[in-house]
PDB file of N, CA and C in Angstrom:
ATOM      1  N   UNK A   1      23.080  20.242 -59.982  1.00  0.00           N
ATOM      2  CA  UNK A   1      23.238  21.041 -61.252  1.00  0.00           C
ATOM      3  C   UNK A   1      24.084  22.583 -60.767  1.00  0.00           C
ATOM      4  N   UNK A   2      25.048  23.015 -61.288  1.00  0.00           N
ATOM      5  CA  UNK A   2      25.567  24.279 -60.783  1.00  0.00           C
ATOM      6  C   UNK A   2      24.941  25.286 -61.641  1.00  0.00           C
ATOM      7  N   UNK A   3      25.328  26.478 -61.036  1.00  0.00           N
ATOM      8  CA  UNK A   3      24.300  27.682 -61.723  1.00  0.00           C
ATOM      9  C   UNK A   3      24.732  27.839 -63.362  1.00  0.00           C
ATOM     10  N   UNK A   4      25.984  27.501 -63.431  1.00  0.00           N
ATOM     11  CA  UNK A   4      26.424  27.668 -64.949  1.00  0.00           C
ATOM     12  C   UNK A   4      25.784  26.559 -65.895  1.00  0.00           C
ATOM     13  N   UNK A   5      25.686  25.582 -65.393  1.00  0.00           N
ATOM     14  CA  UNK A   5      24.875  24.385 -66.151  1.00  0.00           C
ATOM     15  C   UNK A   5      23.751  24.616 -66.228  1.00  0.00           C
ATOM     16  N   UNK A   6      22.988  25.263 -65.312  1.00  0.00           N
ATOM     17  CA  UNK A   6      21.546  25.647 -65.334  1.00  0.00           C
ATOM     18  C   UNK A   6      21.325  26.571 -66.349  1.00  0.00           C
ATOM     19  N   UNK A   7      22.360  27.732 -66.582  1.00  0.00           N
ATOM     20  CA  UNK A   7      21.841  28.842 -67.350  1.00  0.00           C
ATOM     21  C   UNK A   7      22.237  28.429 -68.676  1.00  0.00           C
ATOM     22  N   UNK A   8      22.833  27.380 -69.073  1.00  0.00           N
ATOM     23  CA  UNK A   8      23.118  26.917 -70.159  1.00  0.00           C
ATOM     24  C   UNK A   8      21.998  25.819 -70.760  1.00  0.00           C
ATOM     25  N   UNK A   9      21.022  25.297 -69.789  1.00  0.00           N
ATOM     26  CA  UNK A   9      20.035  24.266 -70.568  1.00  0.00           C
ATOM     27  C   UNK A   9      19.253  25.229 -71.079  1.00  0.00           C
ATOM     28  N   UNK A  10      18.368  24.509 -71.735  1.00  0.00           N
ATOM     29  CA  UNK A  10      17.151  25.327 -72.335  1.00  0.00           C
ATOM     30  C   UNK A  10      15.735  25.256 -71.289  1.00  0.00           C
ATOM     31  N   UNK A  11      16.163  25.090 -70.133  1.00  0.00           N
ATOM     32  CA  UNK A  11      14.761  24.986 -69.200  1.00  0.00           C
ATOM     33  C   UNK A  11      14.286  26.508 -69.424  1.00  0.00           C
ATOM     34  N   UNK A  12      12.767  26.518 -69.475  1.00  0.00           N
ATOM     35  CA  UNK A  12      12.146  27.714 -70.015  1.00  0.00           C
ATOM     36  C   UNK A  12      12.104  28.749 -68.562  1.00  0.00           C
ATOM     37  N   UNK A  13      12.625  29.663 -68.753  1.00  0.00           N
ATOM     38  CA  UNK A  13      12.537  30.561 -67.522  1.00  0.00           C
ATOM     39  C   UNK A  13      10.909  31.022 -67.152  1.00  0.00           C
ATOM     40  N   UNK A  14      10.030  30.913 -68.200  1.00  0.00           N
ATOM     41  CA  UNK A  14       8.609  31.246 -67.720  1.00  0.00           C
ATOM     42  C   UNK A  14       8.090  30.045 -66.714  1.00  0.00           C
ATOM     43  N   UNK A  15       8.689  29.013 -66.752  1.00  0.00           N
ATOM     44  CA  UNK A  15       8.107  28.006 -65.627  1.00  0.00           C
ATOM     45  C   UNK A  15       8.513  28.590 -64.411  1.00  0.00           C
ATOM     46  N   UNK A  16       9.587  29.102 -64.193  1.00  0.00           N
ATOM     47  CA  UNK A  16      10.218  29.864 -62.776  1.00  0.00           C
ATOM     48  C   UNK A  16       9.169  30.973 -62.281  1.00  0.00           C
ATOM     49  N   UNK A  17       8.704  31.846 -63.668  1.00  0.00           N
ATOM     50  CA  UNK A  17       7.984  32.948 -63.249  1.00  0.00           C
ATOM     51  C   UNK A  17       6.858  32.419 -62.713  1.00  0.00           C
ATOM     52  N   UNK A  18       6.096  31.366 -63.286  1.00  0.00           N
ATOM     53  CA  UNK A  18       4.707  30.781 -63.090  1.00  0.00           C
ATOM     54  C   UNK A  18       4.912  30.141 -61.725  1.00  0.00           C
ATOM     55  N   UNK A  19       5.909  29.723 -61.350  1.00  0.00           N
ATOM     56  CA  UNK A  19       5.933  28.954 -59.943  1.00  0.00           C
ATOM     57  C   UNK A  19       6.215  30.046 -59.132  1.00  0.00           C
ATOM     58  N   UNK A  20       6.848  30.843 -59.167  1.00  0.00           N
ATOM     59  CA  UNK A  20       7.182  32.053 -58.223  1.00  0.00           C
ATOM     60  C   UNK A  20       5.781  32.777 -58.259  1.00  0.00           C
ATOM     61  N   UNK A  21       5.061  32.977 -59.105  1.00  0.00           N
ATOM     62  CA  UNK A  21       3.776  33.936 -58.605  1.00  0.00           C
ATOM     63  C   UNK A  21       2.901  33.052 -58.233  1.00  0.00           C
ATOM     64  N   UNK A  22       2.472  31.777 -58.712  1.00  0.00           N
ATOM     65  CA  UNK A  22       1.397  30.918 -58.378  1.00  0.00           C
ATOM     66  C   UNK A  22       1.696  30.140 -57.329  1.00  0.00           C
ATOM     67  N   UNK A  23       2.966  29.517 -57.452  1.00  0.00           N
ATOM     68  CA  UNK A  23       3.214  28.869 -55.959  1.00  0.00           C
ATOM     69  C   UNK A  23       3.590  29.541 -54.786  1.00  0.00           C
ATOM     70  N   UNK A  24       4.069  30.398 -55.083  1.00  0.00           N
ATOM     71  CA  UNK A  24       4.471  31.565 -54.085  1.00  0.00           C
ATOM     72  C   UNK A  24       2.911  32.039 -53.320  1.00  0.00           C
ATOM     73  N   UNK A  25       1.929  32.305 -54.049  1.00  0.00           N
ATOM     74  CA  UNK A  25       0.801  32.722 -53.596  1.00  0.00           C
ATOM     75  C   UNK A  25       0.148  31.352 -52.939  1.00  0.00           C
ATOM     76  N   UNK A  26       0.313  30.443 -53.518  1.00  0.00           N
ATOM     77  CA  UNK A  26      -0.594  29.014 -52.923  1.00  0.00           C
ATOM     78  C   UNK A  26       0.218  28.745 -51.515  1.00  0.00           C
ATOM     79  N   UNK A  27       1.469  28.950 -51.518  1.00  0.00           N
ATOM     80  CA  UNK A  27       2.218  28.508 -50.166  1.00  0.00           C
ATOM     81  C   UNK A  27       1.854  29.568 -49.327  1.00  0.00           C
ATOM     82  N   UNK A  28       2.108  30.775 -49.624  1.00  0.00           N
ATOM     83  CA  UNK A  28       1.473  31.919 -48.422  1.00  0.00           C
ATOM     84  C   UNK A  28       0.073  31.591 -48.046  1.00  0.00           C
ATOM     85  N   UNK A  29      -0.691  31.402 -48.725  1.00  0.00           N
ATOM     86  CA  UNK A  29      -2.337  31.144 -48.491  1.00  0.00           C
ATOM     87  C   UNK A  29      -2.496  29.764 -47.787  1.00  0.00           C
ATOM     88  N   UNK A  30      -1.977  28.705 -48.253  1.00  0.00           N
ATOM     89  CA  UNK A  30      -2.249  27.615 -47.560  1.00  0.00           C
ATOM     90  C   UNK A  30      -1.672  27.197 -46.289  1.00  0.00           C
ATOM     91  N   UNK A  31      -0.181  28.044 -46.216  1.00  0.00           N
ATOM     92  CA  UNK A  31       0.223  27.967 -44.753  1.00  0.00           C
ATOM     93  C   UNK A  31      -0.002  29.105 -43.789  1.00  0.00           C
ATOM     94  N   UNK A  32      -0.338  30.137 -44.273  1.00  0.00           N
ATOM     95  CA  UNK A  32      -0.734  31.227 -43.424  1.00  0.00           C
ATOM     96  C   UNK A  32       0.550  31.982 -43.148  1.00  0.00           C
ATOM     97  N   UNK A  33       1.693  31.441 -43.776  1.00  0.00           N
ATOM     98  CA  UNK A  33       2.989  32.338 -43.500  1.00  0.00           C
ATOM     99  C   UNK A  33       3.444  32.973 -44.844  1.00  0.00           C
ATOM    100  N   UNK A  34       3.055  34.349 -44.928  1.00  0.00           N
ATOM    101  CA  UNK A  34       3.352  35.003 -46.012  1.00  0.00           C
ATOM    102  C   UNK A  34       4.909  34.938 -46.268  1.00  0.00           C
ATOM    103  N   UNK A  35       5.511  34.959 -45.392  1.00  0.00           N
ATOM    104  CA  UNK A  35       7.218  35.092 -45.752  1.00  0.00           C
ATOM    105  C   UNK A  35       7.725  33.846 -46.514  1.00  0.00           C
ATOM    106  N   UNK A  36       7.040  32.543 -46.191  1.00  0.00           N
ATOM    107  CA  UNK A  36       7.323  31.623 -46.799  1.00  0.00           C
ATOM    108  C   UNK A  36       6.905  31.652 -48.313  1.00  0.00           C
ATOM    109  N   UNK A  37       5.776  32.164 -48.684  1.00  0.00           N
ATOM    110  CA  UNK A  37       5.602  32.273 -50.081  1.00  0.00           C
ATOM    111  C   UNK A  37       6.195  33.476 -50.545  1.00  0.00           C
ATOM    112  N   UNK A  38       6.733  34.550 -50.021  1.00  0.00           N
ATOM    113  CA  UNK A  38       7.526  35.541 -50.447  1.00  0.00           C
ATOM    114  C   UNK A  38       9.221  34.921 -50.790  1.00  0.00           C
ATOM    115  N   UNK A  39       9.340  33.895 -49.863  1.00  0.00           N
ATOM    116  CA  UNK A  39      10.635  33.144 -50.129  1.00  0.00           C
ATOM    117  C   UNK A  39      10.788  32.424 -51.538  1.00  0.00           C
ATOM    118  N   UNK A  40       9.766  31.725 -51.877  1.00  0.00           N
ATOM    119  CA  UNK A  40       9.469  31.145 -52.899  1.00  0.00           C
ATOM    120  C   UNK A  40       9.359  32.102 -53.997  1.00  0.00           C
ATOM    121  N   UNK A  41       8.595  33.369 -54.264  1.00  0.00           N
ATOM    122  CA  UNK A  41       8.572  34.031 -55.053  1.00  0.00           C
ATOM    123  C   UNK A  41      10.210  34.746 -55.154  1.00  0.00           C
ATOM    124  N   UNK A  42      10.811  34.980 -54.184  1.00  0.00           N
ATOM    125  CA  UNK A  42      11.974  35.651 -54.398  1.00  0.00           C
ATOM    126  C   UNK A  42      13.129  34.454 -54.931  1.00  0.00           C
ATOM    127  N   UNK A  43      12.965  33.328 -54.485  1.00  0.00           N
ATOM    128  CA  UNK A  43      13.931  32.114 -55.010  1.00  0.00           C
ATOM    129  C   UNK A  43      13.616  31.993 -56.700  1.00  0.00           C
ATOM    130  N   UNK A  44      12.427  31.925 -56.820  1.00  0.00           N
ATOM    131  CA  UNK A  44      12.118  31.744 -58.320  1.00  0.00           C
ATOM    132  C   UNK A  44      12.692  32.842 -59.178  1.00  0.00           C
ATOM    133  N   UNK A  45      12.291  34.070 -58.749  1.00  0.00           N
ATOM    134  CA  UNK A  45      12.977  35.210 -59.335  1.00  0.00           C
ATOM    135  C   UNK A  45      14.257  35.338 -59.383  1.00  0.00           C
ATOM    136  N   UNK A  46      15.021  34.935 -58.729  1.00  0.00           N
ATOM    137  CA  UNK A  46      16.560  35.027 -58.787  1.00  0.00           C
ATOM    138  C   UNK A  46      16.994  34.015 -59.768  1.00  0.00           C
ATOM    139  N   UNK A  47      16.284  32.832 -59.696  1.00  0.00           N
ATOM    140  CA  UNK A  47      16.642  31.893 -60.569  1.00  0.00           C
ATOM    141  C   UNK A  47      16.330  32.386 -61.973  1.00  0.00           C
ATOM    142  N   UNK A  48      15.265  32.756 -62.353  1.00  0.00           N
ATOM    143  CA  UNK A  48      14.632  33.365 -63.504  1.00  0.00           C
ATOM    144  C   UNK A  48      15.653  34.372 -64.030  1.00  0.00           C
ATOM    145  N   UNK A  49      15.983  35.191 -63.240  1.00  0.00           N
ATOM    146  CA  UNK A  49      16.994  36.432 -63.460  1.00  0.00           C
ATOM    147  C   UNK A  49      18.409  35.886 -63.961  1.00  0.00           C
ATOM    148  N   UNK A  50      18.781  34.857 -63.102  1.00  0.00           N
ATOM    149  CA  UNK A  50      20.054  34.212 -63.723  1.00  0.00           C
ATOM    150  C   UNK A  50      19.893  33.866 -65.071  1.00  0.00           C
ATOM    151  N   UNK A  51      18.969  33.541 -65.490  1.00  0.00           N
ATOM    152  CA  UNK A  51      18.483  32.691 -66.970  1.00  0.00           C
ATOM    153  C   UNK A  51      18.671  34.027 -67.784  1.00  0.00           C
ATOM    154  N   UNK A  52      17.943  34.963 -67.500  1.00  0.00           N
ATOM    155  CA  UNK A  52      17.727  36.071 -68.254  1.00  0.00           C
ATOM    156  C   UNK A  52      18.819  36.801 -68.513  1.00  0.00           C
ATOM    157  N   UNK A  53      19.744  37.006 -67.598  1.00  0.00           N
ATOM    158  CA  UNK A  53      20.922  37.618 -67.883  1.00  0.00           C
ATOM    159  C   UNK A  53      21.912  37.214 -68.643  1.00  0.00           C
ATOM    160  N   UNK A  54      21.842  35.879 -68.472  1.00  0.00           N
ATOM    161  CA  UNK A  54      23.109  35.007 -69.169  1.00  0.00           C
ATOM    162  C   UNK A  54      22.542  34.786 -70.630  1.00  0.00           C
ATOM    163  N   UNK A  55      21.039  34.726 -70.603  1.00  0.00           N
ATOM    164  CA  UNK A  55      20.781  34.180 -71.978  1.00  0.00           C
ATOM    165  C   UNK A  55      20.571  35.557 -72.917  1.00  0.00           C
ATOM    166  N   UNK A  56      20.010  36.709 -72.190  1.00  0.00           N
ATOM    167  CA  UNK A  56      19.504  37.768 -73.167  1.00  0.00           C
ATOM    168  C   UNK A  56      20.123  39.175 -72.637  1.00  0.00           C
ATOM    169  N   UNK A  57      20.893  39.099 -71.628  1.00  0.00           N
ATOM    170  CA  UNK A  57      21.719  40.326 -71.167  1.00  0.00           C
ATOM    171  C   UNK A  57      20.814  41.127 -70.300  1.00  0.00           C
ATOM    172  N   UNK A  58      21.651  42.161 -69.937  1.00  0.00           N
ATOM    173  CA  UNK A  58      21.275  42.971 -68.749  1.00  0.00           C
ATOM    174  C   UNK A  58      19.988  43.869 -68.788  1.00  0.00           C
ATOM    175  N   UNK A  59      19.705  44.278 -70.238  1.00  0.00           N
ATOM    176  CA  UNK A  59      18.573  44.989 -70.536  1.00  0.00           C
ATOM    177  C   UNK A  59      17.366  44.327 -70.271  1.00  0.00           C
ATOM    178  N   UNK A  60      17.179  43.154 -70.854  1.00  0.00           N
ATOM    179  CA  UNK A  60      16.153  42.118 -70.986  1.00  0.00           C
ATOM    180  C   UNK A  60      15.929  41.713 -69.504  1.00  0.00           C
ATOM    181  N   UNK A  61      17.026  41.263 -68.937  1.00  0.00           N
ATOM    182  CA  UNK A  61      16.915  40.936 -67.501  1.00  0.00           C
ATOM    183  C   UNK A  61      16.084  41.869 -66.671  1.00  0.00           C
ATOM    184  N   UNK A  62      16.766  43.128 -66.611  1.00  0.00           N
ATOM    185  CA  UNK A  62      15.769  44.337 -65.887  1.00  0.00           C
ATOM    186  C   UNK A  62      14.638  44.366 -66.178  1.00  0.00           C
ATOM    187  N   UNK A  63      14.269  44.645 -67.823  1.00  0.00           N
ATOM    188  CA  UNK A  63      12.991  44.462 -68.013  1.00  0.00           C
ATOM    189  C   UNK A  63      11.915  43.354 -67.605  1.00  0.00           C
ATOM    190  N   UNK A  64      12.446  42.290 -67.683  1.00  0.00           N
ATOM    191  CA  UNK A  64      11.647  40.921 -67.310  1.00  0.00           C
ATOM    192  C   UNK A  64      11.518  40.754 -65.880  1.00  0.00           C
ATOM    193  N   UNK A  65      12.568  41.460 -65.009  1.00  0.00           N
ATOM    194  CA  UNK A  65      12.572  41.515 -63.602  1.00  0.00           C
ATOM    195  C   UNK A  65      11.291  42.348 -63.255  1.00  0.00           C
ATOM    196  N   UNK A  66      11.181  43.503 -64.037  1.00  0.00           N
ATOM    197  CA  UNK A  66      10.226  44.707 -63.618  1.00  0.00           C
ATOM    198  C   UNK A  66       8.860  44.007 -63.899  1.00  0.00           C
ATOM    199  N   UNK A  67       8.701  43.250 -64.886  1.00  0.00           N
ATOM    200  CA  UNK A  67       7.474  42.547 -65.319  1.00  0.00           C
ATOM    201  C   UNK A  67       7.073  41.692 -64.055  1.00  0.00           C
ATOM    202  N   UNK A  68       8.036  40.746 -63.702  1.00  0.00           N
ATOM    203  CA  UNK A  68       7.794  39.906 -62.478  1.00  0.00           C
ATOM    204  C   UNK A  68       7.186  40.566 -61.368  1.00  0.00           C
ATOM    205  N   UNK A  69       8.180  41.396 -60.930  1.00  0.00           N
ATOM    206  CA  UNK A  69       7.666  42.207 -59.733  1.00  0.00           C
ATOM    207  C   UNK A  69       6.377  43.204 -59.925  1.00  0.00           C
ATOM    208  N   UNK A  70       6.115  43.546 -61.147  1.00  0.00           N
ATOM    209  CA  UNK A  70       4.900  44.356 -61.578  1.00  0.00           C
ATOM    210  C   UNK A  70       3.783  43.487 -61.404  1.00  0.00           C
ATOM    211  N   UNK A  71       3.907  42.166 -61.982  1.00  0.00           N
ATOM    212  CA  UNK A  71       2.644  41.126 -62.094  1.00  0.00           C
ATOM    213  C   UNK A  71       2.222  41.056 -60.497  1.00  0.00           C
ATOM    214  N   UNK A  72       3.335  40.652 -59.700  1.00  0.00           N
ATOM    215  CA  UNK A  72       3.026  40.335 -58.328  1.00  0.00           C
ATOM    216  C   UNK A  72       2.056  41.398 -57.581  1.00  0.00           C
ATOM    217  N   UNK A  73       2.731  42.894 -57.737  1.00  0.00           N
ATOM    218  CA  UNK A  73       2.066  44.095 -57.324  1.00  0.00           C
ATOM    219  C   UNK A  73       0.610  44.091 -57.922  1.00  0.00           C
ATOM    220  N   UNK A  74       0.509  43.807 -59.245  1.00  0.00           N
ATOM    221  CA  UNK A  74      -0.822  43.793 -59.910  1.00  0.00           C
ATOM    222  C   UNK A  74      -1.882  42.898 -59.487  1.00  0.00           C
ATOM    223  N   UNK A  75      -1.308  41.753 -59.076  1.00  0.00           N
ATOM    224  CA  UNK A  75      -2.213  40.766 -58.362  1.00  0.00           C
ATOM    225  C   UNK A  75      -2.763  41.394 -57.002  1.00  0.00           C
ATOM    226  N   UNK A  76      -2.099  42.000 -56.358  1.00  0.00           N
ATOM    227  CA  UNK A  76      -2.550  42.613 -54.948  1.00  0.00           C
ATOM    228  C   UNK A  76      -3.697  43.647 -55.330  1.00  0.00           C
ATOM    229  N   UNK A  77      -3.166  44.292 -56.253  1.00  0.00           N
ATOM    230  CA  UNK A  77      -4.187  45.506 -56.775  1.00  0.00           C
ATOM    231  C   UNK A  77      -5.326  45.146 -57.055  1.00  0.00           C
ATOM    232  N   UNK A  78      -5.330  44.035 -58.127  1.00  0.00           N
ATOM    233  CA  UNK A  78      -6.546  43.553 -58.389  1.00  0.00           C
ATOM    234  C   UNK A  78      -7.455  42.850 -57.569  1.00  0.00           C
ATOM    235  N   UNK A  79      -6.826  42.159 -56.584  1.00  0.00           N
ATOM    236  CA  UNK A  79      -7.436  41.434 -55.381  1.00  0.00           C
ATOM    237  C   UNK A  79      -8.028  42.309 -54.423  1.00  0.00           C
ATOM    238  N   UNK A  80      -7.116  43.141 -53.817  1.00  0.00           N
ATOM    239  CA  UNK A  80      -7.364  43.976 -52.851  1.00  0.00           C
ATOM    240  C   UNK A  80      -8.057  45.241 -53.258  1.00  0.00           C
ATOM    241  N   UNK A  81      -7.540  45.999 -54.231  1.00  0.00           N
ATOM    242  CA  UNK A  81      -8.303  47.267 -54.775  1.00  0.00           C
ATOM    243  C   UNK A  81      -9.385  47.003 -55.376  1.00  0.00           C
ATOM    244  N   UNK A  82      -9.734  45.964 -56.356  1.00  0.00           N
ATOM    245  CA  UNK A  82     -10.754  45.983 -57.327  1.00  0.00           C
ATOM    246  C   UNK A  82     -11.601  45.026 -56.743  1.00  0.00           C
ATOM    247  N   UNK A  83     -11.119  43.844 -55.665  1.00  0.00           N
ATOM    248  CA  UNK A  83     -12.417  43.157 -55.400  1.00  0.00           C
ATOM    249  C   UNK A  83     -12.144  41.745 -56.111  1.00  0.00           C
ATOM    250  N   UNK A  84     -11.447  41.664 -56.961  1.00  0.00           N
ATOM    251  CA  UNK A  84     -11.433  40.275 -57.623  1.00  0.00           C
ATOM    252  C   UNK A  84     -10.889  39.322 -56.702  1.00  0.00           C
ATOM    253  N   UNK A  85     -11.392  38.240 -56.901  1.00  0.00           N
ATOM    254  CA  UNK A  85     -10.760  36.811 -56.059  1.00  0.00           C
ATOM    255  C   UNK A  85      -9.532  36.623 -56.575  1.00  0.00           C
ATOM    256  N   UNK A  86      -8.788  36.661 -55.298  1.00  0.00           N
ATOM    257  CA  UNK A  86      -7.445  36.366 -55.132  1.00  0.00           C
ATOM    258  C   UNK A  86      -6.663  35.471 -56.220  1.00  0.00           C
ATOM    259  N   UNK A  87      -7.136  34.051 -56.336  1.00  0.00           N
ATOM    260  CA  UNK A  87      -6.730  33.392 -57.323  1.00  0.00           C
ATOM    261  C   UNK A  87      -7.010  33.656 -58.834  1.00  0.00           C
ATOM    262  N   UNK A  88      -8.093  34.457 -58.991  1.00  0.00           N
ATOM    263  CA  UNK A  88      -8.471  34.608 -60.168  1.00  0.00           C
ATOM    264  C   UNK A  88      -7.300  35.854 -60.754  1.00  0.00           C
ATOM    265  N   UNK A  89      -6.758  36.801 -59.782  1.00  0.00           N
ATOM    266  CA  UNK A  89      -5.981  37.704 -59.781  1.00  0.00           C
ATOM    267  C   UNK A  89      -4.601  37.230 -60.163  1.00  0.00           C
ATOM    268  N   UNK A  90      -4.258  36.118 -59.407  1.00  0.00           N
ATOM    269  CA  UNK A  90      -2.857  35.662 -59.463  1.00  0.00           C
ATOM    270  C   UNK A  90      -2.884  34.910 -60.775  1.00  0.00           C
ATOM    271  N   UNK A  91      -3.788  34.097 -61.181  1.00  0.00           N
ATOM    272  CA  UNK A  91      -4.024  33.388 -62.435  1.00  0.00           C
ATOM    273  C   UNK A  91      -3.724  34.096 -63.589  1.00  0.00           C
ATOM    274  N   UNK A  92      -4.507  35.396 -63.742  1.00  0.00           N
ATOM    275  CA  UNK A  92      -4.401  36.349 -64.756  1.00  0.00           C
ATOM    276  C   UNK A  92      -2.846  36.906 -65.096  1.00  0.00           C
ATOM    277  N   UNK A  93      -2.373  37.407 -63.903  1.00  0.00           N
ATOM    278  CA  UNK A  93      -1.222  37.869 -63.910  1.00  0.00           C
ATOM    279  C   UNK A  93      -0.019  36.816 -64.073  1.00  0.00           C
ATOM    280  N   UNK A  94      -0.175  35.498 -63.648  1.00  0.00           N
ATOM    281  CA  UNK A  94       0.804  34.676 -63.925  1.00  0.00           C
ATOM    282  C   UNK A  94       0.746  34.225 -65.366  1.00  0.00           C
ATOM    283  N   UNK A  95      -0.355  34.031 -65.793  1.00  0.00           N
ATOM    284  CA  UNK A  95      -0.502  33.735 -67.239  1.00  0.00           C
ATOM    285  C   UNK A  95       0.438  34.661 -68.138  1.00  0.00           C
ATOM    286  N   UNK A  96      -0.028  35.975 -67.855  1.00  0.00           N
ATOM    287  CA  UNK A  96       0.297  37.070 -68.589  1.00  0.00           C
ATOM    288  C   UNK A  96       1.995  37.126 -68.575  1.00  0.00           C
ATOM    289  N   UNK A  97       2.569  37.336 -67.337  1.00  0.00           N
ATOM    290  CA  UNK A  97       3.975  37.218 -67.220  1.00  0.00           C
ATOM    291  C   UNK A  97       4.570  36.074 -67.690  1.00  0.00           C
ATOM    292  N   UNK A  98       4.045  34.809 -67.459  1.00  0.00           N
ATOM    293  CA  UNK A  98       4.775  33.804 -68.057  1.00  0.00           C
ATOM    294  C   UNK A  98       4.829  33.729 -69.535  1.00  0.00           C
ATOM    295  N   UNK A  99       3.630  33.937 -70.145  1.00  0.00           N
ATOM    296  CA  UNK A  99       3.719  34.349 -71.438  1.00  0.00           C
ATOM    297  C   UNK A  99       4.731  35.342 -72.303  1.00  0.00           C
ATOM    298  N   UNK A 100       4.676  36.448 -71.730  1.00  0.00           N
ATOM    299  CA  UNK A 100       5.472  37.349 -72.240  1.00  0.00           C
ATOM    300  C   UNK A 100       6.988  36.888 -71.968  1.00  0.00           C
ATOM    301  N   UNK A 101       7.340  36.227 -70.635  1.00  0.00           N
ATOM    302  CA  UNK A 101       8.609  35.681 -70.495  1.00  0.00           C
ATOM    303  C   UNK A 101       8.924  34.734 -71.513  1.00  0.00           C
ATOM    304  N   UNK A 102       7.931  33.955 -71.784  1.00  0.00           N
ATOM    305  CA  UNK A 102       8.487  32.787 -72.729  1.00  0.00           C
ATOM    306  C   UNK A 102       8.724  33.385 -74.269  1.00  0.00           C
ATOM    307  N   UNK A 103       7.754  34.228 -74.553  1.00  0.00           N
ATOM    308  CA  UNK A 103       8.042  35.013 -75.806  1.00  0.00           C
ATOM    309  C   UNK A 103       9.385  35.911 -76.071  1.00  0.00           C
ATOM    310  N   UNK A 104       9.734  36.440 -74.861  1.00  0.00           N
ATOM    311  CA  UNK A 104      10.919  37.273 -74.890  1.00  0.00           C
ATOM    312  C   UNK A 104      12.145  36.522 -74.596  1.00  0.00           C
ATOM    313  N   UNK A 105      12.292  35.632 -73.632  1.00  0.00           N
ATOM    314  CA  UNK A 105      13.295  34.821 -73.091  1.00  0.00           C
ATOM    315  C   UNK A 105      13.492  33.437 -73.527  1.00  0.00           C
ATOM    316  N   UNK A 106      12.225  32.774 -73.729  1.00  0.00           N
ATOM    317  CA  UNK A 106      12.622  31.628 -74.029  1.00  0.00           C
ATOM    318  C   UNK A 106      12.190  30.986 -75.417  1.00  0.00           C
ATOM    319  N   UNK A 107      11.859  31.780 -76.285  1.00  0.00           N
ATOM    320  CA  UNK A 107      11.603  31.675 -77.482  1.00  0.00           C
ATOM    321  C   UNK A 107      12.811  30.963 -78.250  1.00  0.00           C
ATOM    322  N   UNK A 108      12.654  30.859 -79.882  1.00  0.00           N
ATOM    323  CA  UNK A 108      13.806  30.188 -80.496  1.00  0.00           C
ATOM    324  C   UNK A 108      14.662  31.454 -80.854  1.00  0.00           C
ATOM    325  N   UNK A 109      14.640  32.751 -80.585  1.00  0.00           N
ATOM    326  CA  UNK A 109      15.743  33.638 -80.807  1.00  0.00           C
ATOM    327  C   UNK A 109      16.979  33.079 -80.368  1.00  0.00           C
ATOM    328  N   UNK A 110      18.067  33.771 -80.745  1.00  0.00           N
ATOM    329  CA  UNK A 110      19.273  33.524 -80.424  1.00  0.00           C
ATOM    330  C   UNK A 110      19.841  34.047 -78.889  1.00  0.00           C
ATOM    331  N   UNK A 111      20.570  33.411 -78.258  1.00  0.00           N
ATOM    332  CA  UNK A 111      20.749  33.843 -76.952  1.00  0.00           C
ATOM    333  C   UNK A 111      21.889  34.853 -77.208  1.00  0.00           C
ATOM    334  N   UNK A 112      21.928  35.716 -75.817  1.00  0.00           N
ATOM    335  CA  UNK A 112      22.885  36.778 -75.996  1.00  0.00           C
ATOM    336  C   UNK A 112      24.265  36.297 -76.239  1.00  0.00           C
ATOM    337  N   UNK A 113      24.423  35.010 -75.781  1.00  0.00           N
ATOM    338  CA  UNK A 113      26.077  34.563 -75.791  1.00  0.00           C
ATOM    339  C   UNK A 113      26.239  34.373 -77.363  1.00  0.00           C
ATOM    340  N   UNK A 114      25.530  34.004 -78.362  1.00  0.00           N
ATOM    341  CA  UNK A 114      25.462  33.680 -79.318  1.00  0.00           C
ATOM    342  C   UNK A 114      25.444  34.930 -80.471  1.00  0.00           C
ATOM    343  N   UNK A 115      25.383  36.236 -79.904  1.00  0.00           N
ATOM    344  CA  UNK A 115      25.063  37.518 -80.889  1.00  0.00           C
ATOM    345  C   UNK A 115      26.431  37.842 -81.094  1.00  0.00           C
TER     346      UNK A 115
END
């Protein structure tokens, strides 16, 4: 599937956000290779960013990218700084970021191309 075909599908970008955050963490923790988890996080973020940019435009794409990276940082703050169990912290930020992403980018509103 080409990038342009992928962007035209109704594939929910919230799934990519959830995969990037949760699977990225799980892979990093399971393998012990943080860079591998970071690669999953980055790849999912780039794929989601492509969808956001094409579907909703640059303003929304930048805002959702900031949310995605902010969720990653917040999970670390909650786990390391506050002492919350790591999986709980990742679960909370993943659910929140994916939910907001679904509401903003994947909902039934018109795509940027249709405006």
